[in-house]
Amino acid sequence: ALALVGTAGIFLTLDAEFLAAVQILLYAGGVITIVVFAIVVTE
């Protein structure tokens, strides 16, 4: 999750606000939440 947020920060430094927002919402928000949920349920 920290790596994905760092990637969004890199996108912001490149003036790619849309890609940064997608990175935060879709990957850092959605995918990480699903993976954490899967790990907790599996354990």
PDB file of all heavy atoms in Angstrom:
ATOM      1  N   ALA A   1       0.837  -1.202   0.000  1.00  0.00           N
ATOM      2  CA  ALA A   1       0.000   0.000   0.000  1.00  0.00           C
ATOM      3  C   ALA A   1       0.875   1.256   0.000  1.00  0.00           C
ATOM      4  O   ALA A   1       0.593   2.217  -0.712  1.00  0.00           O
ATOM      5  CB  ALA A   1      -0.930  -0.012   1.204  1.00  0.00           C
ATOM      6  N   LEU A   2       1.941   1.252   0.800  1.00  0.00           N
ATOM      7  CA  LEU A   2       2.851   2.393   0.819  1.00  0.00           C
ATOM      8  C   LEU A   2       3.526   2.579  -0.539  1.00  0.00           C
ATOM      9  O   LEU A   2       3.677   3.715  -1.009  1.00  0.00           O
ATOM     10  CB  LEU A   2       3.909   2.212   1.916  1.00  0.00           C
ATOM     11  CG  LEU A   2       4.919   3.333   2.077  1.00  0.00           C
ATOM     12  CD1 LEU A   2       4.225   4.643   2.450  1.00  0.00           C
ATOM     13  CD2 LEU A   2       5.958   2.963   3.109  1.00  0.00           C
ATOM     14  N   ALA A   3       3.895   1.476  -1.196  1.00  0.00           N
ATOM     15  CA  ALA A   3       4.511   1.574  -2.526  1.00  0.00           C
ATOM     16  C   ALA A   3       3.526   2.157  -3.536  1.00  0.00           C
ATOM     17  O   ALA A   3       3.903   2.971  -4.389  1.00  0.00           O
ATOM     18  CB  ALA A   3       4.998   0.202  -2.981  1.00  0.00           C
ATOM     19  N   LEU A   4       2.266   1.758  -3.449  1.00  0.00           N
ATOM     20  CA  LEU A   4       1.269   2.285  -4.379  1.00  0.00           C
ATOM     21  C   LEU A   4       0.998   3.765  -4.141  1.00  0.00           C
ATOM     22  O   LEU A   4       0.808   4.527  -5.098  1.00  0.00           O
ATOM     23  CB  LEU A   4      -0.018   1.470  -4.273  1.00  0.00           C
ATOM     24  CG  LEU A   4       0.091   0.014  -4.749  1.00  0.00           C
ATOM     25  CD1 LEU A   4      -1.177  -0.746  -4.418  1.00  0.00           C
ATOM     26  CD2 LEU A   4       0.405  -0.058  -6.211  1.00  0.00           C
ATOM     27  N   VAL A   5       0.991   4.178  -2.894  1.00  0.00           N
ATOM     28  CA  VAL A   5       0.818   5.601  -2.591  1.00  0.00           C
ATOM     29  C   VAL A   5       2.044   6.392  -3.064  1.00  0.00           C
ATOM     30  O   VAL A   5       1.917   7.505  -3.594  1.00  0.00           O
ATOM     31  CB  VAL A   5       0.552   5.811  -1.088  1.00  0.00           C
ATOM     32  CG1 VAL A   5       0.606   7.276  -0.714  1.00  0.00           C
ATOM     33  CG2 VAL A   5      -0.802   5.220  -0.710  1.00  0.00           C
ATOM     34  N   GLY A   6       3.232   5.815  -2.915  1.00  0.00           N
ATOM     35  CA  GLY A   6       4.441   6.464  -3.427  1.00  0.00           C
ATOM     36  C   GLY A   6       4.404   6.615  -4.945  1.00  0.00           C
ATOM     37  O   GLY A   6       4.824   7.635  -5.491  1.00  0.00           O
ATOM     38  N   THR A   7       3.857   5.612  -5.621  1.00  0.00           N
ATOM     39  CA  THR A   7       3.694   5.692  -7.071  1.00  0.00           C
ATOM     40  C   THR A   7       2.736   6.817  -7.442  1.00  0.00           C
ATOM     41  O   THR A   7       2.968   7.557  -8.409  1.00  0.00           O
ATOM     42  CB  THR A   7       3.183   4.351  -7.627  1.00  0.00           C
ATOM     43  OG1 THR A   7       4.085   3.322  -7.235  1.00  0.00           O
ATOM     44  CG2 THR A   7       3.075   4.392  -9.126  1.00  0.00           C
ATOM     45  N   ALA A   8       1.663   6.959  -6.671  1.00  0.00           N
ATOM     46  CA  ALA A   8       0.736   8.069  -6.917  1.00  0.00           C
ATOM     47  C   ALA A   8       1.438   9.412  -6.717  1.00  0.00           C
ATOM     48  O   ALA A   8       1.194  10.362  -7.465  1.00  0.00           O
ATOM     49  CB  ALA A   8      -0.470   7.954  -5.993  1.00  0.00           C
ATOM     50  N   GLY A   9       2.314   9.492  -5.729  1.00  0.00           N
ATOM     51  CA  GLY A   9       3.083  10.722  -5.529  1.00  0.00           C
ATOM     52  C   GLY A   9       3.991  11.029  -6.708  1.00  0.00           C
ATOM     53  O   GLY A   9       4.125  12.185  -7.114  1.00  0.00           O
ATOM     54  N   ILE A  10       4.604   9.993  -7.272  1.00  0.00           N
ATOM     55  CA  ILE A  10       5.425  10.181  -8.477  1.00  0.00           C
ATOM     56  C   ILE A  10       4.568  10.707  -9.625  1.00  0.00           C
ATOM     57  O   ILE A  10       4.967  11.604 -10.366  1.00  0.00           O
ATOM     58  CB  ILE A  10       6.123   8.864  -8.887  1.00  0.00           C
ATOM     59  CG1 ILE A  10       7.089   8.393  -7.810  1.00  0.00           C
ATOM     60  CG2 ILE A  10       6.808   8.988 -10.236  1.00  0.00           C
ATOM     61  CD1 ILE A  10       8.396   9.121  -7.748  1.00  0.00           C
ATOM     62  N   PHE A  11       3.356  10.153  -9.769  1.00  0.00           N
ATOM     63  CA  PHE A  11       2.447  10.654 -10.810  1.00  0.00           C
ATOM     64  C   PHE A  11       2.116  12.123 -10.583  1.00  0.00           C
ATOM     65  O   PHE A  11       2.009  12.891 -11.536  1.00  0.00           O
ATOM     66  CB  PHE A  11       1.163   9.831 -10.854  1.00  0.00           C
ATOM     67  CG  PHE A  11       1.310   8.466 -11.460  1.00  0.00           C
ATOM     68  CD1 PHE A  11       0.552   7.409 -10.989  1.00  0.00           C
ATOM     69  CD2 PHE A  11       2.189   8.233 -12.499  1.00  0.00           C
ATOM     70  CE1 PHE A  11       0.671   6.154 -11.549  1.00  0.00           C
ATOM     71  CE2 PHE A  11       2.321   6.975 -13.065  1.00  0.00           C
ATOM     72  CZ  PHE A  11       1.556   5.932 -12.589  1.00  0.00           C
ATOM     73  N   LEU A  12       1.944  12.520  -9.337  1.00  0.00           N
ATOM     74  CA  LEU A  12       1.647  13.930  -9.048  1.00  0.00           C
ATOM     75  C   LEU A  12       2.815  14.831  -9.429  1.00  0.00           C
ATOM     76  O   LEU A  12       2.606  15.944  -9.912  1.00  0.00           O
ATOM     77  CB  LEU A  12       1.288  14.110  -7.584  1.00  0.00           C
ATOM     78  CG  LEU A  12      -0.116  13.687  -7.182  1.00  0.00           C
ATOM     79  CD1 LEU A  12      -0.311  13.835  -5.677  1.00  0.00           C
ATOM     80  CD2 LEU A  12      -1.157  14.476  -7.935  1.00  0.00           C
ATOM     81  N   THR A  13       4.040  14.374  -9.201  1.00  0.00           N
ATOM     82  CA  THR A  13       5.186  15.200  -9.589  1.00  0.00           C
ATOM     83  C   THR A  13       5.301  15.320 -11.104  1.00  0.00           C
ATOM     84  O   THR A  13       5.924  16.253 -11.600  1.00  0.00           O
ATOM     85  CB  THR A  13       6.516  14.631  -9.039  1.00  0.00           C
ATOM     86  OG1 THR A  13       6.742  13.332  -9.581  1.00  0.00           O
ATOM     87  CG2 THR A  13       6.509  14.593  -7.521  1.00  0.00           C
ATOM     88  N   LEU A  14       4.695  14.387 -11.832  1.00  0.00           N
ATOM     89  CA  LEU A  14       4.701  14.431 -13.294  1.00  0.00           C
ATOM     90  C   LEU A  14       3.466  15.113 -13.867  1.00  0.00           C
ATOM     91  O   LEU A  14       3.206  15.027 -15.063  1.00  0.00           O
ATOM     92  CB  LEU A  14       4.806  13.003 -13.854  1.00  0.00           C
ATOM     93  CG  LEU A  14       6.092  12.262 -13.528  1.00  0.00           C
ATOM     94  CD1 LEU A  14       5.992  10.806 -13.959  1.00  0.00           C
ATOM     95  CD2 LEU A  14       7.271  12.942 -14.190  1.00  0.00           C
ATOM     96  N   ASP A  15       2.690  15.785 -13.020  1.00  0.00           N
ATOM     97  CA  ASP A  15       1.459  16.482 -13.424  1.00  0.00           C
ATOM     98  C   ASP A  15       0.434  15.536 -14.036  1.00  0.00           C
ATOM     99  O   ASP A  15      -0.272  15.897 -14.978  1.00  0.00           O
ATOM    100  CB  ASP A  15       1.750  17.630 -14.391  1.00  0.00           C
ATOM    101  CG  ASP A  15       2.513  18.756 -13.728  1.00  0.00           C
ATOM    102  OD1 ASP A  15       2.291  18.969 -12.521  1.00  0.00           O
ATOM    103  OD2 ASP A  15       3.328  19.405 -14.403  1.00  0.00           O
ATOM    104  N   ALA A  16       0.347  14.318 -13.511  1.00  0.00           N
ATOM    105  CA  ALA A  16      -0.644  13.343 -13.969  1.00  0.00           C
ATOM    106  C   ALA A  16      -1.625  13.087 -12.829  1.00  0.00           C
ATOM    107  O   ALA A  16      -1.609  12.037 -12.205  1.00  0.00           O
ATOM    108  CB  ALA A  16       0.039  12.056 -14.414  1.00  0.00           C
ATOM    109  N   GLU A  17      -2.466  14.080 -12.577  1.00  0.00           N
ATOM    110  CA  GLU A  17      -3.386  13.998 -11.441  1.00  0.00           C
ATOM    111  C   GLU A  17      -4.386  12.864 -11.597  1.00  0.00           C
ATOM    112  O   GLU A  17      -4.735  12.198 -10.616  1.00  0.00           O
ATOM    113  CB  GLU A  17      -4.144  15.313 -11.256  1.00  0.00           C
ATOM    114  CG  GLU A  17      -3.283  16.494 -10.892  1.00  0.00           C
ATOM    115  CD  GLU A  17      -2.730  17.214 -12.117  1.00  0.00           C
ATOM    116  OE1 GLU A  17      -3.106  16.854 -13.252  1.00  0.00           O
ATOM    117  OE2 GLU A  17      -1.906  18.122 -11.927  1.00  0.00           O
ATOM    118  N   PHE A  18      -4.852  12.617 -12.814  1.00  0.00           N
ATOM    119  CA  PHE A  18      -5.823  11.545 -13.039  1.00  0.00           C
ATOM    120  C   PHE A  18      -5.220  10.190 -12.685  1.00  0.00           C
ATOM    121  O   PHE A  18      -5.845   9.374 -12.008  1.00  0.00           O
ATOM    122  CB  PHE A  18      -6.297  11.558 -14.492  1.00  0.00           C
ATOM    123  CG  PHE A  18      -7.282  10.475 -14.808  1.00  0.00           C
ATOM    124  CD1 PHE A  18      -8.594  10.572 -14.381  1.00  0.00           C
ATOM    125  CD2 PHE A  18      -6.899   9.353 -15.518  1.00  0.00           C
ATOM    126  CE1 PHE A  18      -9.512   9.573 -14.661  1.00  0.00           C
ATOM    127  CE2 PHE A  18      -7.805   8.354 -15.806  1.00  0.00           C
ATOM    128  CZ  PHE A  18      -9.112   8.461 -15.376  1.00  0.00           C
ATOM    129  N   LEU A  19      -3.997   9.936 -13.147  1.00  0.00           N
ATOM    130  CA  LEU A  19      -3.348   8.668 -12.831  1.00  0.00           C
ATOM    131  C   LEU A  19      -3.091   8.529 -11.336  1.00  0.00           C
ATOM    132  O   LEU A  19      -3.224   7.436 -10.775  1.00  0.00           O
ATOM    133  CB  LEU A  19      -2.038   8.532 -13.603  1.00  0.00           C
ATOM    134  CG  LEU A  19      -2.165   8.319 -15.100  1.00  0.00           C
ATOM    135  CD1 LEU A  19      -0.797   8.271 -15.743  1.00  0.00           C
ATOM    136  CD2 LEU A  19      -2.943   7.069 -15.400  1.00  0.00           C
ATOM    137  N   ALA A  20      -2.743   9.618 -10.678  1.00  0.00           N
ATOM    138  CA  ALA A  20      -2.536   9.575  -9.226  1.00  0.00           C
ATOM    139  C   ALA A  20      -3.834   9.240  -8.502  1.00  0.00           C
ATOM    140  O   ALA A  20      -3.846   8.431  -7.570  1.00  0.00           O
ATOM    141  CB  ALA A  20      -1.968  10.908  -8.734  1.00  0.00           C
ATOM    142  N   ALA A  21      -4.935   9.839  -8.947  1.00  0.00           N
ATOM    143  CA  ALA A  21      -6.226   9.563  -8.312  1.00  0.00           C
ATOM    144  C   ALA A  21      -6.647   8.120  -8.537  1.00  0.00           C
ATOM    145  O   ALA A  21      -7.129   7.451  -7.614  1.00  0.00           O
ATOM    146  CB  ALA A  21      -7.288  10.516  -8.855  1.00  0.00           C
ATOM    147  N   VAL A  22      -6.457   7.609  -9.741  1.00  0.00           N
ATOM    148  CA  VAL A  22      -6.785   6.206 -10.022  1.00  0.00           C
ATOM    149  C   VAL A  22      -5.903   5.288  -9.193  1.00  0.00           C
ATOM    150  O   VAL A  22      -6.368   4.285  -8.644  1.00  0.00           O
ATOM    151  CB  VAL A  22      -6.644   5.916 -11.534  1.00  0.00           C
ATOM    152  CG1 VAL A  22      -6.682   4.426 -11.820  1.00  0.00           C
ATOM    153  CG2 VAL A  22      -7.725   6.633 -12.304  1.00  0.00           C
ATOM    154  N   GLN A  23      -4.643   5.626  -9.078  1.00  0.00           N
ATOM    155  CA  GLN A  23      -3.710   4.818  -8.283  1.00  0.00           C
ATOM    156  C   GLN A  23      -4.163   4.743  -6.824  1.00  0.00           C
ATOM    157  O   GLN A  23      -4.158   3.678  -6.232  1.00  0.00           O
ATOM    158  CB  GLN A  23      -2.310   5.429  -8.374  1.00  0.00           C
ATOM    159  CG  GLN A  23      -1.242   4.631  -7.689  1.00  0.00           C
ATOM    160  CD  GLN A  23      -0.786   3.451  -8.498  1.00  0.00           C
ATOM    161  OE1 GLN A  23      -0.988   3.381  -9.692  1.00  0.00           O
ATOM    162  NE2 GLN A  23      -0.155   2.510  -7.845  1.00  0.00           N
ATOM    163  N   ILE A  24      -4.563   5.865  -6.266  1.00  0.00           N
ATOM    164  CA  ILE A  24      -4.994   5.890  -4.866  1.00  0.00           C
ATOM    165  C   ILE A  24      -6.329   5.177  -4.692  1.00  0.00           C
ATOM    166  O   ILE A  24      -6.476   4.307  -3.827  1.00  0.00           O
ATOM    167  CB  ILE A  24      -5.105   7.349  -4.354  1.00  0.00           C
ATOM    168  CG1 ILE A  24      -3.737   8.016  -4.308  1.00  0.00           C
ATOM    169  CG2 ILE A  24      -5.783   7.405  -3.003  1.00  0.00           C
ATOM    170  CD1 ILE A  24      -2.843   7.527  -3.199  1.00  0.00           C
ATOM    171  N   LEU A  25      -7.316   5.537  -5.515  1.00  0.00           N
ATOM    172  CA  LEU A  25      -8.654   4.973  -5.345  1.00  0.00           C
ATOM    173  C   LEU A  25      -8.725   3.496  -5.682  1.00  0.00           C
ATOM    174  O   LEU A  25      -9.256   2.692  -4.909  1.00  0.00           O
ATOM    175  CB  LEU A  25      -9.659   5.743  -6.206  1.00  0.00           C
ATOM    176  CG  LEU A  25      -9.943   7.175  -5.783  1.00  0.00           C
ATOM    177  CD1 LEU A  25     -10.836   7.843  -6.807  1.00  0.00           C
ATOM    178  CD2 LEU A  25     -10.589   7.208  -4.421  1.00  0.00           C
ATOM    179  N   LEU A  26      -8.194   3.134  -6.834  1.00  0.00           N
ATOM    180  CA  LEU A  26      -8.366   1.769  -7.308  1.00  0.00           C
ATOM    181  C   LEU A  26      -7.388   0.807  -6.653  1.00  0.00           C
ATOM    182  O   LEU A  26      -7.793  -0.218  -6.104  1.00  0.00           O
ATOM    183  CB  LEU A  26      -8.198   1.745  -8.828  1.00  0.00           C
ATOM    184  CG  LEU A  26      -8.587   0.467  -9.526  1.00  0.00           C
ATOM    185  CD1 LEU A  26     -10.077   0.231  -9.366  1.00  0.00           C
ATOM    186  CD2 LEU A  26      -8.242   0.550 -10.994  1.00  0.00           C
ATOM    187  N   TYR A  27      -6.112   1.129  -6.683  1.00  0.00           N
ATOM    188  CA  TYR A  27      -5.109   0.188  -6.204  1.00  0.00           C
ATOM    189  C   TYR A  27      -4.906   0.302  -4.693  1.00  0.00           C
ATOM    190  O   TYR A  27      -5.102  -0.671  -3.969  1.00  0.00           O
ATOM    191  CB  TYR A  27      -3.791   0.381  -6.949  1.00  0.00           C
ATOM    192  CG  TYR A  27      -3.898   0.045  -8.401  1.00  0.00           C
ATOM    193  CD1 TYR A  27      -3.680   0.993  -9.378  1.00  0.00           C
ATOM    194  CD2 TYR A  27      -4.256  -1.232  -8.797  1.00  0.00           C
ATOM    195  CE1 TYR A  27      -3.788   0.679 -10.720  1.00  0.00           C
ATOM    196  CE2 TYR A  27      -4.373  -1.558 -10.132  1.00  0.00           C
ATOM    197  CZ  TYR A  27      -4.132  -0.598 -11.079  1.00  0.00           C
ATOM    198  OH  TYR A  27      -4.250  -0.912 -12.406  1.00  0.00           O
ATOM    199  N   ALA A  28      -4.483   1.457  -4.233  1.00  0.00           N
ATOM    200  CA  ALA A  28      -4.180   1.594  -2.808  1.00  0.00           C
ATOM    201  C   ALA A  28      -5.441   1.464  -1.962  1.00  0.00           C
ATOM    202  O   ALA A  28      -5.387   0.972  -0.841  1.00  0.00           O
ATOM    203  CB  ALA A  28      -3.494   2.926  -2.542  1.00  0.00           C
ATOM    204  N   GLY A  29      -6.581   1.880  -2.491  1.00  0.00           N
ATOM    205  CA  GLY A  29      -7.817   1.762  -1.730  1.00  0.00           C
ATOM    206  C   GLY A  29      -8.495   0.429  -1.907  1.00  0.00           C
ATOM    207  O   GLY A  29      -8.689  -0.327  -0.956  1.00  0.00           O
ATOM    208  N   GLY A  30      -8.849   0.102  -3.136  1.00  0.00           N
ATOM    209  CA  GLY A  30      -9.645  -1.090  -3.387  1.00  0.00           C
ATOM    210  C   GLY A  30      -8.888  -2.393  -3.296  1.00  0.00           C
ATOM    211  O   GLY A  30      -9.271  -3.300  -2.558  1.00  0.00           O
ATOM    212  N   VAL A  31      -7.818  -2.521  -4.030  1.00  0.00           N
ATOM    213  CA  VAL A  31      -7.091  -3.787  -4.088  1.00  0.00           C
ATOM    214  C   VAL A  31      -6.494  -4.133  -2.732  1.00  0.00           C
ATOM    215  O   VAL A  31      -6.600  -5.281  -2.273  1.00  0.00           O
ATOM    216  CB  VAL A  31      -6.009  -3.723  -5.189  1.00  0.00           C
ATOM    217  CG1 VAL A  31      -5.116  -4.939  -5.144  1.00  0.00           C
ATOM    218  CG2 VAL A  31      -6.649  -3.589  -6.548  1.00  0.00           C
ATOM    219  N   ILE A  32      -5.885  -3.176  -2.069  1.00  0.00           N
ATOM    220  CA  ILE A  32      -5.271  -3.456  -0.771  1.00  0.00           C
ATOM    221  C   ILE A  32      -6.339  -3.851   0.242  1.00  0.00           C
ATOM    222  O   ILE A  32      -6.136  -4.754   1.054  1.00  0.00           O
ATOM    223  CB  ILE A  32      -4.446  -2.245  -0.287  1.00  0.00           C
ATOM    224  CG1 ILE A  32      -3.288  -1.992  -1.245  1.00  0.00           C
ATOM    225  CG2 ILE A  32      -3.940  -2.451   1.119  1.00  0.00           C
ATOM    226  CD1 ILE A  32      -2.308  -3.133  -1.377  1.00  0.00           C
ATOM    227  N   THR A  33      -7.495  -3.210   0.210  1.00  0.00           N
ATOM    228  CA  THR A  33      -8.578  -3.570   1.131  1.00  0.00           C
ATOM    229  C   THR A  33      -9.023  -5.010   0.890  1.00  0.00           C
ATOM    230  O   THR A  33      -9.220  -5.775   1.849  1.00  0.00           O
ATOM    231  CB  THR A  33      -9.770  -2.613   0.947  1.00  0.00           C
ATOM    232  OG1 THR A  33      -9.314  -1.280   1.164  1.00  0.00           O
ATOM    233  CG2 THR A  33     -10.893  -2.941   1.900  1.00  0.00           C
ATOM    234  N   ILE A  34      -9.167  -5.396  -0.354  1.00  0.00           N
ATOM    235  CA  ILE A  34      -9.570  -6.768  -0.668  1.00  0.00           C
ATOM    236  C   ILE A  34      -8.506  -7.763  -0.221  1.00  0.00           C
ATOM    237  O   ILE A  34      -8.822  -8.815   0.347  1.00  0.00           O
ATOM    238  CB  ILE A  34      -9.872  -6.904  -2.173  1.00  0.00           C
ATOM    239  CG1 ILE A  34     -11.136  -6.119  -2.515  1.00  0.00           C
ATOM    240  CG2 ILE A  34     -10.016  -8.363  -2.581  1.00  0.00           C
ATOM    241  CD1 ILE A  34     -11.401  -6.000  -3.993  1.00  0.00           C
ATOM    242  N   VAL A  35      -7.247  -7.461  -0.447  1.00  0.00           N
ATOM    243  CA  VAL A  35      -6.172  -8.376  -0.064  1.00  0.00           C
ATOM    244  C   VAL A  35      -6.093  -8.511   1.454  1.00  0.00           C
ATOM    245  O   VAL A  35      -5.945  -9.621   1.980  1.00  0.00           O
ATOM    246  CB  VAL A  35      -4.825  -7.927  -0.676  1.00  0.00           C
ATOM    247  CG1 VAL A  35      -3.676  -8.728  -0.113  1.00  0.00           C
ATOM    248  CG2 VAL A  35      -4.870  -8.040  -2.181  1.00  0.00           C
ATOM    249  N   VAL A  36      -6.198  -7.411   2.173  1.00  0.00           N
ATOM    250  CA  VAL A  36      -6.188  -7.475   3.641  1.00  0.00           C
ATOM    251  C   VAL A  36      -7.369  -8.299   4.141  1.00  0.00           C
ATOM    252  O   VAL A  36      -7.222  -9.151   5.026  1.00  0.00           O
ATOM    253  CB  VAL A  36      -6.191  -6.053   4.255  1.00  0.00           C
ATOM    254  CG1 VAL A  36      -6.502  -6.103   5.734  1.00  0.00           C
ATOM    255  CG2 VAL A  36      -4.860  -5.374   4.011  1.00  0.00           C
ATOM    256  N   PHE A  37      -8.531  -8.079   3.566  1.00  0.00           N
ATOM    257  CA  PHE A  37      -9.714  -8.854   3.949  1.00  0.00           C
ATOM    258  C   PHE A  37      -9.493 -10.340   3.677  1.00  0.00           C
ATOM    259  O   PHE A  37      -9.821 -11.196   4.505  1.00  0.00           O
ATOM    260  CB  PHE A  37     -10.934  -8.336   3.184  1.00  0.00           C
ATOM    261  CG  PHE A  37     -12.206  -9.039   3.518  1.00  0.00           C
ATOM    262  CD1 PHE A  37     -12.830  -8.826   4.744  1.00  0.00           C
ATOM    263  CD2 PHE A  37     -12.779  -9.917   2.619  1.00  0.00           C
ATOM    264  CE1 PHE A  37     -14.001  -9.485   5.059  1.00  0.00           C
ATOM    265  CE2 PHE A  37     -13.958 -10.574   2.930  1.00  0.00           C
ATOM    266  CZ  PHE A  37     -14.561 -10.360   4.153  1.00  0.00           C
ATOM    267  N   ALA A  38      -8.913 -10.678   2.527  1.00  0.00           N
ATOM    268  CA  ALA A  38      -8.660 -12.080   2.197  1.00  0.00           C
ATOM    269  C   ALA A  38      -7.667 -12.710   3.162  1.00  0.00           C
ATOM    270  O   ALA A  38      -7.841 -13.869   3.577  1.00  0.00           O
ATOM    271  CB  ALA A  38      -8.153 -12.191   0.761  1.00  0.00           C
ATOM    272  N   ILE A  39      -6.639 -11.970   3.543  1.00  0.00           N
ATOM    273  CA  ILE A  39      -5.648 -12.503   4.487  1.00  0.00           C
ATOM    274  C   ILE A  39      -6.289 -12.760   5.841  1.00  0.00           C
ATOM    275  O   ILE A  39      -6.102 -13.819   6.446  1.00  0.00           O
ATOM    276  CB  ILE A  39      -4.445 -11.549   4.606  1.00  0.00           C
ATOM    277  CG1 ILE A  39      -3.624 -11.563   3.329  1.00  0.00           C
ATOM    278  CG2 ILE A  39      -3.560 -11.942   5.789  1.00  0.00           C
ATOM    279  CD1 ILE A  39      -2.558 -10.505   3.287  1.00  0.00           C
ATOM    280  N   VAL A  40      -7.062 -11.801   6.322  1.00  0.00           N
ATOM    281  CA  VAL A  40      -7.693 -11.950   7.638  1.00  0.00           C
ATOM    282  C   VAL A  40      -8.677 -13.115   7.629  1.00  0.00           C
ATOM    283  O   VAL A  40      -8.683 -13.942   8.542  1.00  0.00           O
ATOM    284  CB  VAL A  40      -8.388 -10.633   8.048  1.00  0.00           C
ATOM    285  CG1 VAL A  40      -9.251 -10.830   9.272  1.00  0.00           C
ATOM    286  CG2 VAL A  40      -7.340  -9.554   8.295  1.00  0.00           C
ATOM    287  N   VAL A  41      -9.501 -13.224   6.609  1.00  0.00           N
ATOM    288  CA  VAL A  41     -10.481 -14.307   6.539  1.00  0.00           C
ATOM    289  C   VAL A  41      -9.782 -15.654   6.401  1.00  0.00           C
ATOM    290  O   VAL A  41     -10.161 -16.631   7.050  1.00  0.00           O
ATOM    291  CB  VAL A  41     -11.465 -14.069   5.367  1.00  0.00           C
ATOM    292  CG1 VAL A  41     -12.313 -15.294   5.096  1.00  0.00           C
ATOM    293  CG2 VAL A  41     -12.349 -12.885   5.686  1.00  0.00           C
ATOM    294  N   THR A  42      -8.745 -15.729   5.581  1.00  0.00           N
ATOM    295  CA  THR A  42      -8.024 -16.979   5.393  1.00  0.00           C
ATOM    296  C   THR A  42      -7.351 -17.429   6.682  1.00  0.00           C
ATOM    297  O   THR A  42      -7.383 -18.607   7.027  1.00  0.00           O
ATOM    298  CB  THR A  42      -6.981 -16.831   4.273  1.00  0.00           C
ATOM    299  OG1 THR A  42      -7.631 -16.381   3.091  1.00  0.00           O
ATOM    300  CG2 THR A  42      -6.285 -18.137   4.001  1.00  0.00           C
ATOM    301  N   GLU A  43      -6.757 -16.486   7.424  1.00  0.00           N
ATOM    302  CA  GLU A  43      -6.118 -16.857   8.683  1.00  0.00           C
ATOM    303  C   GLU A  43      -7.139 -17.358   9.690  1.00  0.00           C
ATOM    304  O   GLU A  43      -6.868 -18.269  10.462  1.00  0.00           O
ATOM    305  CB  GLU A  43      -5.330 -15.675   9.255  1.00  0.00           C
ATOM    306  CG  GLU A  43      -4.027 -15.427   8.540  1.00  0.00           C
ATOM    307  CD  GLU A  43      -3.225 -14.293   9.137  1.00  0.00           C
ATOM    308  OE1 GLU A  43      -3.725 -13.605  10.056  1.00  0.00           O
ATOM    309  OE2 GLU A  43      -2.094 -14.092   8.683  1.00  0.00           O
TER     310      GLU A  43
END
